[in-house]
Amino acid sequence: MKRALIQLSLTAALATGIASSCVHKANRPDPVANGNYPQEVANILVAKCAVSGCHNAASYANANNVLLDSWEHLFQGSNSGAIVVPYSPENSSLLFFVNTDSAQGVVATPTMPEKTSSSPATPLTKAEYQVLKNWIASGAPDKNGNIPFAANADSRQKIYITQQACDLMAVIDGQSHLVMRYLTLGTKPNQIETPHCTRMSNDGKYAYVSFLNGDYLQKIDTRTDQIASAANVGSLRFNGSWNILYVAPADTSVVTSSFTADGIIAHIGTAGMNIIKSLGGGSSLVYPHGITSNKAFDTLFVTAQYGNVVYKIILNTTPIKIKSLSLDSNPAVASTSTTTVSRNPHEILMAPDFSRYFVTCQGSAEVRVMDAHTDTLIAAIPVGLSPVEMAMSSTQPYIFVTCQEDVSTNAGMKGSVYAINYNTLQAQRIDGDFYQPHGITVDDRNGIIYVVSTNANPDGPAPHHPTGFSGRAGWYSLLDLHTFKAYDNKRYQVLVSPYSAATRFKQ
C-alpha cells in the first residue's frame, strides 16, 4: 500500500510538471523505451540524455562514467560517486547539471544535455527539470515504485559519515559504495549544530551522533535511517562541545566527552537515552576527548587532548576515582592551553583482547601502546604528521590510523594512512587519494577501508561539482582491506566537512 501511495503521489507530481509544458496532447513526445524509469522520467533521461556521444552504453565511459539508459545503471553512480540520492534533490548532482535557473537550485556547468556533433540538444525546460526534481524528492522509484536501496533493510551493510558543516549524515550503501540517503540531524533548523562523531552499536542496530554546537546526543535506527530518540546532554552543559562517543561492549550505554577546559563525561543509558551520571568538571578532566573502556566496563580510559595524559576513571568506587596516567616518562600534565606542544593524545582504541590500548599522539606523530593492566608504556610507533582517528578490522590484525596533515607522496594530496599490526606492532604507510583524511572505518564484510578526506584547506583539490553549502566539498575513497591498495580509484564526493565514519555491521 505504501509503495502504491508513493507511486500515485509521484505520478500526480510528474503530471503537473508535464502539463505546464504541453498545450495539446498531440504535442507530447512519442513514448520511448522506459529503461525501468517511470515513463515521464524516461522521456527525459532516456530520450534526451542516454544518446550518442553522451550517456548511452557506447559513450558513457567518456562522460564521467554516467550511464543513464536505465534506472539500474543510474544507481551505479559515476566516477564522482552518487549522482542521485533518493529523497534529496538538493544533494543530487544530476539536477545541478540540467538546471539553468539558480532560483530553482544549484547550477553546475556544462549544462546538460550538451550539444554534440550528433545531437543538437537544448537545455531542459523548467517543467522537465521539475519532473526530475519531484521524482527524486519522492525517492527516485523505478516504474513499479521500488525505492533504491530500500530492500533488505535488516541486513544491508551501511557506512555512516557525519557532514559537519551541513547538519547531515551521509549513509553509504555497502554494496554499491554510493551515498544512498542523507539524514537531517540536530534539533535546531536554523542553526548548524555541527554533527561531529558517529559510533555504531556493536549489534549494528543503532548509530549514535554527537554535536559540537548542540545539546543532544541522537540515536539513529539503522534499519529505517530515522532518528529513534535523543539524550539531552545540554542539561549537563549547554553547548558543551560534545565530542567523541564510546559505546559500551554490551550496548547498554554510551559515553561522550564535553571537550572543554573543565570537561565532563556523560554516561547515557541506550535503552531510554537517559543520563545515568556525569563526572568531571573543574580541573579533574581537562579537554577530555577519546574514550575507551575495559571489558567489564567498570574502568574508562580518556585522553586529555593537550599534554601527555590519559585519564583512568574507576567507575565502581565511591567517589569515582580519576587517575592521570603519563604516556611517557615525564610527569602527567594535562594543559588548559590549546597551543601546548606535547604528546597531545587524540583518540584511543582498545585491543580486541582488552590487554592494551592504542593512543594517537598528534603532537609527537606517534601511536603509543599502553598496557591496560599495569598502565605502562609498551611501545611508541612512529606514524605520519597529526595522527587522529583509528579503525580496527575484525577479520585482519590491523588498526588503521589517519594522519591528517602528513606530507603525501602523491602530487597535490595531503595526509596518509598507517596500518599497524596490533600483534607485531609493525606499521606500514599507505598513500592514496587523500586530502586531510580524518574519519576512517572498516567494512570487513566487503573487505574495504573507507577513508574520509575533509578537504578543509582552501588549497585542496577542487570538487567535481558544487554543493548547496558554503565551503569546499570533501570525499571518501576506498582501500582494499587485504592489499591496502586503492579499491577502485574513485573519489566519492560528499558535502562540506565530512568528518567521522562508522560501519553498521562489523562482520
Protein backbone atom coordinates (compact mmCIF):
# COMPACT_ATOMS: atom_id res chain seq x y z
CA MET A 1 0.00 0.00 0.00
CA LYS A 2 2.85 2.43 0.89
CA ARG A 3 4.53 1.78 -2.46
CA ALA A 4 1.26 2.36 -4.29
CA LEU A 5 0.72 5.66 -2.48
CA ILE A 6 4.24 6.80 -3.35
CA GLN A 7 3.66 5.91 -6.98
CA LEU A 8 0.32 7.74 -7.08
CA SER A 9 1.85 10.81 -5.46
CA LEU A 10 4.76 10.75 -7.87
CA THR A 11 2.54 10.31 -10.90
CA ALA A 12 0.42 13.29 -9.87
CA ALA A 13 3.52 15.44 -9.34
CA LEU A 14 5.02 14.43 -12.65
CA ALA A 15 1.76 15.01 -14.49
CA THR A 16 1.52 18.51 -13.06
CA GLY A 17 5.02 19.36 -14.29
CA ILE A 18 4.49 17.91 -17.76
CA ALA A 19 1.10 19.56 -18.23
CA SER A 20 2.58 23.01 -17.88
CA SER A 21 4.86 22.41 -20.88
CA CYS A 22 2.20 20.97 -23.22
CA VAL A 23 -0.66 22.71 -24.97
CA HIS A 24 -2.16 19.80 -26.91
CA LYS A 25 -1.97 16.12 -26.22
CA ALA A 26 -0.75 15.63 -29.77
CA ASN A 27 2.37 17.66 -28.99
CA ARG A 28 3.65 15.18 -26.41
CA PRO A 29 6.66 13.12 -27.50
CA ASP A 30 6.07 9.54 -28.53
CA PRO A 31 6.77 7.04 -25.74
CA VAL A 32 10.42 5.98 -25.54
CA ALA A 33 11.94 2.83 -24.11
CA ASN A 34 11.49 3.46 -20.43
CA GLY A 35 14.63 1.73 -19.09
CA ASN A 36 12.63 0.81 -15.99
CA TYR A 37 12.07 4.51 -15.24
CA PRO A 38 8.61 5.99 -14.81
CA GLN A 39 7.63 6.99 -18.34
CA GLU A 40 7.72 10.74 -17.65
CA VAL A 41 11.29 10.40 -16.38
CA ALA A 42 12.31 8.15 -19.26
CA ASN A 43 11.06 10.78 -21.70
CA ILE A 44 13.85 12.98 -20.32
CA LEU A 45 16.72 10.76 -19.23
CA VAL A 46 16.48 8.10 -21.92
CA ALA A 47 15.31 10.26 -24.81
CA LYS A 48 17.46 13.34 -24.15
CA CYS A 49 20.45 12.15 -22.09
CA ALA A 50 21.19 8.50 -22.95
CA VAL A 51 22.04 9.38 -26.53
CA SER A 52 25.04 9.00 -28.81
CA GLY A 53 28.03 10.97 -27.60
CA CYS A 54 26.59 11.43 -24.11
CA HIS A 55 25.32 8.92 -21.57
CA ASN A 56 24.48 5.80 -23.57
CA ALA A 57 26.32 2.48 -23.49
CA ALA A 58 28.70 3.48 -26.29
CA SER A 59 29.68 6.86 -24.85
CA TYR A 60 29.30 6.93 -21.06
CA ALA A 61 32.92 5.95 -20.31
CA ASN A 62 33.94 9.37 -21.64
CA ALA A 63 31.16 11.14 -19.72
CA ASN A 64 32.37 10.61 -16.13
CA ASN A 65 31.04 7.03 -16.36
CA VAL A 66 27.45 8.26 -16.07
CA LEU A 67 25.17 5.75 -17.82
CA LEU A 68 21.52 6.83 -17.98
CA ASP A 69 19.89 4.29 -20.29
CA SER A 70 18.22 2.52 -17.35
CA TRP A 71 17.19 3.06 -13.75
CA GLU A 72 19.60 0.34 -12.64
CA HIS A 73 22.53 1.97 -14.41
CA LEU A 74 21.71 5.38 -12.94
CA PHE A 75 22.30 3.91 -9.49
CA GLN A 76 25.75 2.72 -10.40
CA GLY A 77 26.78 6.36 -10.00
CA SER A 78 29.76 8.00 -11.65
CA ASN A 79 33.49 8.47 -11.12
CA SER A 80 32.47 11.06 -8.53
CA GLY A 81 30.00 8.87 -6.65
CA ALA A 82 26.23 9.15 -6.38
CA ILE A 83 24.51 11.44 -8.88
CA VAL A 84 21.02 10.88 -7.48
CA VAL A 85 20.36 10.49 -3.75
CA PRO A 86 16.77 9.33 -3.13
CA TYR A 87 14.64 11.88 -1.26
CA SER A 88 17.44 14.50 -1.57
CA PRO A 89 17.07 16.56 -4.77
CA GLU A 90 19.07 19.35 -3.12
CA ASN A 91 22.06 16.98 -2.91
CA SER A 92 21.64 15.15 -6.22
CA SER A 93 24.26 16.41 -8.68
CA LEU A 94 22.31 15.18 -11.72
CA LEU A 95 19.94 18.09 -11.15
CA PHE A 96 22.76 20.61 -10.93
CA PHE A 97 23.90 19.90 -14.49
CA VAL A 98 20.42 20.13 -16.04
CA ASN A 99 19.44 23.30 -14.18
CA THR A 100 19.71 26.70 -15.84
CA ASP A 101 17.98 28.79 -13.17
CA SER A 102 19.67 29.35 -9.80
CA ALA A 103 16.27 30.18 -8.32
CA GLN A 104 15.38 26.50 -8.79
CA GLY A 105 18.51 25.13 -7.14
CA VAL A 106 22.26 24.63 -7.59
CA VAL A 107 23.57 25.25 -11.13
CA ALA A 108 26.67 23.47 -12.46
CA THR A 109 28.36 23.59 -15.84
CA PRO A 110 28.49 22.32 -18.50
CA THR A 111 24.73 22.44 -18.91
CA MET A 112 23.23 19.12 -19.93
CA PRO A 113 22.05 17.93 -22.37
CA GLU A 114 25.22 19.12 -24.08
CA LYS A 115 25.30 19.79 -27.77
CA THR A 116 27.35 17.28 -29.74
CA SER A 117 28.04 16.70 -33.41
CA SER A 118 25.31 14.08 -33.47
CA SER A 119 22.84 15.72 -31.10
CA PRO A 120 21.74 19.37 -31.41
CA ALA A 121 20.45 19.27 -27.83
CA THR A 122 18.75 22.11 -26.00
CA PRO A 123 18.59 22.62 -22.22
CA LEU A 124 15.72 21.07 -20.31
CA THR A 125 12.70 23.24 -19.76
CA LYS A 126 11.79 24.30 -16.25
CA ALA A 127 8.90 21.86 -16.39
CA GLU A 128 11.22 18.98 -17.29
CA TYR A 129 13.62 19.97 -14.51
CA GLN A 130 10.70 19.96 -12.08
CA VAL A 131 9.70 16.47 -13.22
CA LEU A 132 13.14 15.17 -12.27
CA LYS A 133 13.21 17.12 -9.02
CA ASN A 134 9.79 15.83 -7.93
CA TRP A 135 10.78 12.30 -8.87
CA ILE A 136 13.95 12.40 -6.73
CA ALA A 137 12.06 14.03 -3.83
CA SER A 138 9.64 11.09 -3.97
CA GLY A 139 12.53 8.62 -3.62
CA ALA A 140 13.50 8.19 -7.31
CA PRO A 141 11.45 4.99 -7.69
CA ASP A 142 11.53 2.73 -10.71
CA LYS A 143 8.43 2.32 -12.89
CA ASN A 144 6.99 -0.16 -10.38
CA GLY A 145 7.50 2.09 -7.36
CA ASN A 146 10.61 0.39 -5.96
CA ILE A 147 12.81 2.81 -4.00
CA PRO A 148 16.58 2.46 -4.47
CA PHE A 149 18.41 0.70 -1.63
CA ALA A 150 15.19 0.09 0.32
CA ALA A 151 15.31 -3.72 0.16
CA ASN A 152 16.95 -5.90 2.82
CA ALA A 153 16.67 -3.21 5.49
CA ASP A 154 17.58 -5.61 8.31
CA SER A 155 20.79 -6.88 6.74
CA ARG A 156 22.02 -4.17 4.36
CA GLN A 157 25.56 -3.10 5.11
CA LYS A 158 25.88 0.66 5.52
CA ILE A 159 28.55 3.19 6.34
CA TYR A 160 27.68 6.44 8.13
CA ILE A 161 29.66 9.70 7.72
CA THR A 162 28.90 12.94 9.57
CA GLN A 163 28.76 16.12 7.45
CA GLN A 164 29.81 18.74 9.99
CA ALA A 165 29.04 21.89 8.01
CA CYS A 166 25.62 20.68 6.83
CA ASP A 167 23.92 19.01 9.83
CA LEU A 168 23.53 15.88 7.75
CA MET A 169 24.61 12.26 7.90
CA ALA A 170 25.61 10.54 4.68
CA VAL A 171 24.52 6.90 4.58
CA ILE A 172 26.59 4.78 2.21
CA ASP A 173 25.34 1.53 0.69
CA GLY A 174 27.98 -1.13 1.37
CA GLN A 175 27.41 -2.93 -1.92
CA SER A 176 27.48 -0.05 -4.40
CA HIS A 177 29.60 2.25 -2.16
CA LEU A 178 27.28 5.14 -3.10
CA VAL A 179 25.50 7.63 -0.87
CA MET A 180 22.03 6.12 -0.56
CA ARG A 181 20.49 8.67 1.83
CA TYR A 182 21.21 11.97 3.55
CA LEU A 183 19.70 12.18 7.05
CA THR A 184 18.86 15.52 8.64
CA LEU A 185 20.45 15.77 12.08
CA GLY A 186 20.14 18.14 15.02
CA THR A 187 17.17 19.86 16.61
CA LYS A 188 17.54 23.50 15.51
CA PRO A 189 16.54 24.04 11.86
CA ASN A 190 18.09 27.50 11.59
CA GLN A 191 21.39 26.71 13.30
CA ILE A 192 24.31 24.49 12.29
CA GLU A 193 24.85 22.18 15.27
CA THR A 194 27.93 20.51 13.74
CA PRO A 195 27.46 16.74 13.93
CA HIS A 196 30.90 15.56 14.97
CA CYS A 197 31.37 11.93 15.92
CA THR A 198 29.36 8.87 14.95
CA ARG A 199 29.68 5.45 16.54
CA MET A 200 27.79 2.20 16.00
CA SER A 201 26.22 -0.16 18.49
CA ASN A 202 28.02 -3.49 18.50
CA ASP A 203 24.93 -5.27 17.14
CA GLY A 204 24.63 -2.78 14.25
CA LYS A 205 21.08 -1.75 15.12
CA TYR A 206 21.80 1.86 16.06
CA ALA A 207 24.18 4.67 15.17
CA TYR A 208 24.86 7.49 17.62
CA VAL A 209 25.97 11.03 16.83
CA SER A 210 27.31 13.89 18.97
CA PHE A 211 27.29 17.63 18.22
CA LEU A 212 29.91 20.30 18.82
CA ASN A 213 27.26 23.04 18.86
CA GLY A 214 24.21 21.14 20.01
CA ASP A 215 22.69 19.89 23.21
CA TYR A 216 21.54 16.42 22.22
CA LEU A 217 23.09 13.06 21.55
CA GLN A 218 20.98 11.44 18.82
CA LYS A 219 20.27 7.75 18.23
CA ILE A 220 19.58 6.55 14.67
CA ASP A 221 17.71 3.37 13.80
CA THR A 222 19.92 1.83 11.10
CA ARG A 223 17.03 -0.18 9.66
CA THR A 224 14.87 2.84 8.86
CA ASP A 225 17.58 5.54 8.94
CA GLN A 226 15.38 7.70 11.12
CA ILE A 227 16.14 9.41 14.43
CA ALA A 228 14.90 6.96 17.07
CA SER A 229 15.48 9.05 20.21
CA ALA A 230 17.86 11.52 21.82
CA ALA A 231 19.50 12.38 25.13
CA ASN A 232 19.53 15.98 26.34
CA VAL A 233 23.18 16.37 27.34
CA GLY A 234 22.66 20.13 27.25
CA SER A 235 21.05 19.69 30.67
CA LEU A 236 24.56 18.87 31.90
CA ARG A 237 26.34 21.58 29.94
CA PHE A 238 24.78 23.92 27.41
CA ASN A 239 26.63 23.84 24.05
CA GLY A 240 29.21 21.62 25.70
CA SER A 241 31.25 20.83 22.57
CA TRP A 242 30.21 17.18 22.75
CA ASN A 243 32.96 15.25 21.04
CA ILE A 244 33.88 11.58 20.98
CA LEU A 245 31.43 8.75 21.64
CA TYR A 246 32.11 5.31 23.05
CA VAL A 247 29.55 2.50 23.11
CA ALA A 248 29.82 0.03 25.98
CA PRO A 249 30.78 -3.53 24.96
CA ALA A 250 27.28 -4.82 25.80
CA ASP A 251 25.48 -1.91 24.06
CA THR A 252 23.80 -0.94 27.34
CA SER A 253 25.20 2.57 27.44
CA VAL A 254 27.13 5.20 25.54
CA VAL A 255 29.67 7.68 26.88
CA THR A 256 30.52 11.09 25.44
CA SER A 257 33.02 13.81 26.33
CA SER A 258 32.50 17.55 26.67
CA PHE A 259 35.63 18.98 25.08
CA THR A 260 36.28 21.96 27.36
CA ALA A 261 38.98 23.03 29.82
CA ASP A 262 36.68 21.98 32.66
CA GLY A 263 35.42 18.94 30.79
CA ILE A 264 32.85 16.39 31.81
CA ILE A 265 31.97 12.86 30.79
CA ALA A 266 28.30 11.95 30.29
CA HIS A 267 27.17 8.34 30.76
CA ILE A 268 23.87 7.60 28.99
CA GLY A 269 21.66 4.52 29.01
CA THR A 270 20.96 3.48 25.42
CA ALA A 271 17.52 1.91 26.02
CA GLY A 272 15.80 5.14 27.07
CA MET A 273 18.63 7.58 26.21
CA ASN A 274 18.56 8.66 29.84
CA ILE A 275 21.52 10.27 31.60
CA ILE A 276 22.88 7.80 34.15
CA LYS A 277 25.61 10.00 35.56
CA SER A 278 28.13 12.68 34.74
CA LEU A 279 31.58 13.20 36.14
CA GLY A 280 34.39 15.71 35.94
CA GLY A 281 34.05 19.45 35.94
CA GLY A 282 36.53 21.84 37.48
CA SER A 283 40.12 20.70 36.89
CA SER A 284 39.58 16.95 37.16
CA LEU A 285 39.13 16.45 33.40
CA VAL A 286 40.92 18.91 31.12
CA TYR A 287 39.86 18.82 27.46
CA PRO A 288 38.76 15.19 27.58
CA HIS A 289 38.49 13.64 24.12
CA GLY A 290 38.97 9.97 23.14
CA ILE A 291 37.23 7.28 25.21
CA THR A 292 37.53 3.52 25.64
CA SER A 293 36.95 1.03 28.46
CA ASN A 294 37.95 -2.33 29.83
CA LYS A 295 35.82 -5.38 29.00
CA ALA A 296 33.79 -5.17 32.21
CA PHE A 297 33.01 -1.51 31.54
CA ASP A 298 33.94 -0.53 35.07
CA THR A 299 37.03 1.44 34.02
CA LEU A 300 37.25 4.17 31.41
CA PHE A 301 40.38 5.43 29.67
CA VAL A 302 40.05 9.01 28.37
CA THR A 303 42.61 11.12 26.53
CA ALA A 304 43.40 14.71 27.55
CA GLN A 305 43.96 16.42 24.19
CA TYR A 306 46.67 18.84 25.34
CA GLY A 307 49.52 17.38 27.34
CA ASN A 308 50.66 13.80 27.90
CA VAL A 309 47.78 12.37 29.91
CA VAL A 310 45.31 9.51 29.69
CA TYR A 311 42.75 9.61 32.48
CA LYS A 312 41.95 6.27 34.11
CA ILE A 313 38.46 6.51 35.60
CA ILE A 314 37.33 3.81 38.03
CA LEU A 315 33.54 3.80 37.89
CA ASN A 316 32.67 1.28 40.61
CA THR A 317 34.11 3.26 43.51
CA THR A 318 32.54 5.90 45.73
CA PRO A 319 33.58 8.52 45.00
CA ILE A 320 34.66 7.73 41.45
CA LYS A 321 38.45 7.74 41.16
CA ILE A 322 40.19 9.66 38.36
CA LYS A 323 43.89 8.95 37.92
CA SER A 324 46.20 10.77 35.47
CA LEU A 325 48.49 8.39 33.60
CA SER A 326 51.59 9.67 31.82
CA LEU A 327 52.16 8.50 28.26
CA ASP A 328 55.90 8.98 28.65
CA SER A 329 58.50 9.28 31.37
CA ASN A 330 57.55 12.86 32.17
CA PRO A 331 55.13 13.90 34.92
CA ALA A 332 51.48 13.63 33.89
CA VAL A 333 50.30 17.09 32.83
CA ALA A 334 47.01 17.97 31.14
CA SER A 335 47.16 21.55 29.88
CA THR A 336 44.36 24.07 29.58
CA SER A 337 46.31 25.77 26.76
CA THR A 338 45.31 24.67 23.27
CA THR A 339 48.78 25.60 22.00
CA THR A 340 50.62 23.17 24.25
CA VAL A 341 53.35 21.22 22.45
CA SER A 342 53.45 17.75 23.95
CA ARG A 343 52.21 14.25 23.04
CA ASN A 344 48.70 15.71 22.68
CA PRO A 345 46.78 12.42 22.71
CA HIS A 346 43.73 12.49 20.46
CA GLU A 347 41.96 9.15 20.07
CA ILE A 348 42.20 5.88 21.99
CA LEU A 349 41.32 2.33 20.95
CA MET A 350 41.35 -0.91 22.94
CA ALA A 351 42.88 -4.11 21.55
CA PRO A 352 40.42 -6.96 20.90
CA ASP A 353 41.59 -8.85 24.00
CA PHE A 354 41.44 -5.69 26.16
CA SER A 355 45.08 -6.15 27.22
CA ARG A 356 46.43 -2.99 25.55
CA TYR A 357 45.20 0.30 24.22
CA PHE A 358 46.48 2.45 21.37
CA VAL A 359 46.67 6.24 21.54
CA THR A 360 47.19 8.62 18.59
CA CYS A 361 49.55 11.41 19.65
CA GLN A 362 49.11 14.42 17.40
CA GLY A 363 51.97 16.37 18.91
CA SER A 364 54.65 13.69 18.51
CA ALA A 365 53.39 11.87 15.38
CA GLU A 366 53.16 8.53 17.14
CA VAL A 367 50.78 5.84 18.20
CA ARG A 368 51.61 4.92 21.79
CA VAL A 369 50.71 1.48 23.06
CA MET A 370 49.89 1.14 26.76
CA ASP A 371 49.38 -1.91 28.96
CA ALA A 372 45.77 -1.73 30.16
CA HIS A 373 46.57 -3.59 33.41
CA THR A 374 49.87 -2.07 34.54
CA ASP A 375 49.40 1.37 32.96
CA THR A 376 52.90 1.25 31.46
CA LEU A 377 54.20 2.05 28.01
CA ILE A 378 54.71 -0.95 25.72
CA ALA A 379 55.77 0.79 22.51
CA ALA A 380 55.86 4.10 20.65
CA ILE A 381 55.16 3.61 16.94
CA PRO A 382 56.18 6.47 14.61
CA VAL A 383 53.49 7.43 12.10
CA GLY A 384 52.71 10.46 9.91
CA LEU A 385 52.05 14.04 10.97
CA SER A 386 48.95 14.72 13.08
CA PRO A 387 47.56 11.20 13.61
CA VAL A 388 43.90 11.44 14.59
CA GLU A 389 41.28 8.73 14.11
CA MET A 390 41.63 4.93 14.22
CA ALA A 391 39.60 1.98 12.99
CA MET A 392 40.11 -1.71 13.65
CA SER A 393 39.42 -4.67 11.40
CA SER A 394 37.50 -7.59 12.90
CA THR A 395 38.96 -10.10 10.42
CA GLN A 396 42.55 -8.87 9.98
CA PRO A 397 45.01 -7.98 12.81
CA TYR A 398 45.21 -4.31 11.85
CA ILE A 399 44.44 -0.89 13.22
CA PHE A 400 44.26 1.89 10.62
CA VAL A 401 45.28 5.45 11.51
CA THR A 402 44.56 8.66 9.59
CA CYS A 403 47.45 11.16 9.65
CA GLN A 404 45.66 14.34 8.69
CA GLU A 405 48.49 16.75 7.92
CA ASP A 406 51.15 14.32 6.72
CA VAL A 407 53.23 15.12 3.64
CA SER A 408 51.84 12.89 0.88
CA THR A 409 53.91 11.18 -1.79
CA ASN A 410 51.01 11.80 -4.19
CA ALA A 411 51.15 15.12 -6.01
CA GLY A 412 48.51 17.59 -4.84
CA MET A 413 47.46 15.42 -1.91
CA LYS A 414 47.93 15.80 1.85
CA GLY A 415 47.80 13.15 4.56
CA SER A 416 48.38 9.42 4.84
CA VAL A 417 47.02 6.28 6.48
CA TYR A 418 49.08 3.86 8.56
CA ALA A 419 48.26 0.19 9.05
CA ILE A 420 49.52 -1.16 12.38
CA ASN A 421 49.55 -4.89 13.05
CA TYR A 422 48.29 -4.96 16.62
CA ASN A 423 50.04 -8.28 17.29
CA THR A 424 53.53 -7.46 15.98
CA LEU A 425 53.23 -3.64 16.35
CA GLN A 426 54.74 -3.23 12.88
CA ALA A 427 53.47 -0.26 10.87
CA GLN A 428 53.00 0.22 7.14
CA ARG A 429 52.41 3.56 5.43
CA ILE A 430 49.61 3.91 2.86
CA ASP A 431 49.49 6.83 0.45
CA GLY A 432 46.40 7.43 -1.62
CA ASP A 433 43.83 9.89 -2.89
CA PHE A 434 43.58 11.65 0.48
CA TYR A 435 43.44 15.30 1.43
CA GLN A 436 43.41 15.92 5.18
CA PRO A 437 41.91 12.50 5.98
CA HIS A 438 40.13 12.26 9.30
CA GLY A 439 37.35 9.70 9.61
CA ILE A 440 38.12 6.06 8.85
CA THR A 441 36.16 2.83 9.15
CA VAL A 442 36.45 -0.78 8.02
CA ASP A 443 33.78 -2.79 6.21
CA ASP A 444 35.00 -6.31 6.93
CA ARG A 445 32.01 -7.86 5.16
CA ASN A 446 33.14 -6.44 1.83
CA GLY A 447 36.86 -6.14 2.55
CA ILE A 448 37.02 -2.34 2.20
CA ILE A 449 38.54 0.51 4.21
CA TYR A 450 36.70 3.85 3.92
CA VAL A 451 38.95 6.93 4.26
CA VAL A 452 37.19 10.28 4.67
CA SER A 453 39.03 13.34 3.30
CA THR A 454 37.83 16.57 4.91
CA ASN A 455 39.49 18.72 2.18
CA ALA A 456 39.13 21.68 4.52
CA ASN A 457 42.16 23.60 3.25
CA PRO A 458 41.22 26.12 0.52
CA ASP A 459 44.25 24.87 -1.40
CA GLY A 460 42.84 21.35 -1.56
CA PRO A 461 41.55 19.69 -4.73
CA ALA A 462 38.62 21.40 -6.40
CA PRO A 463 35.44 19.31 -6.10
CA HIS A 464 33.83 17.78 -9.16
CA HIS A 465 30.65 19.77 -8.64
CA PRO A 466 29.32 22.44 -6.28
CA THR A 467 27.05 21.82 -3.33
CA GLY A 468 24.34 23.91 -1.74
CA PHE A 469 26.57 24.60 1.27
CA SER A 470 29.34 27.07 1.99
CA GLY A 471 32.83 25.60 1.85
CA ARG A 472 34.85 23.06 -0.11
CA ALA A 473 33.33 19.61 -0.54
CA GLY A 474 35.19 16.56 0.73
CA TRP A 475 35.08 12.93 -0.30
CA TYR A 476 35.66 9.35 0.75
CA SER A 477 37.90 6.88 -1.03
CA LEU A 478 38.20 3.12 -0.76
CA LEU A 479 41.16 0.86 0.04
CA ASP A 480 41.28 -2.90 -0.35
CA LEU A 481 41.49 -4.38 3.14
CA HIS A 482 43.81 -7.19 2.02
CA THR A 483 46.24 -5.33 -0.25
CA PHE A 484 45.96 -1.75 1.14
CA LYS A 485 45.78 -0.57 -2.47
CA ALA A 486 43.13 1.67 -4.00
CA TYR A 487 39.94 -0.35 -4.42
CA ASP A 488 38.51 1.43 -7.47
CA ASN A 489 40.35 4.76 -7.94
CA LYS A 490 37.13 6.69 -7.47
CA ARG A 491 36.67 9.86 -5.45
CA TYR A 492 33.19 9.70 -3.91
CA GLN A 493 32.26 13.32 -3.35
CA VAL A 494 30.04 14.16 -0.39
CA LEU A 495 29.26 17.53 1.23
CA VAL A 496 31.28 20.06 3.22
CA SER A 497 33.47 18.95 6.13
CA PRO A 498 32.84 15.19 6.21
CA TYR A 499 34.37 14.05 9.46
CA SER A 500 33.64 10.85 11.34
CA ALA A 501 32.74 7.40 9.96
CA ALA A 502 31.24 4.17 11.30
CA THR A 503 30.24 0.83 9.73
CA ARG A 504 26.91 -0.81 10.55
CA PHE A 505 27.98 -4.46 10.80
CA LYS A 506 31.49 -5.31 11.92
CA GLN A 507 31.37 -8.80 10.38
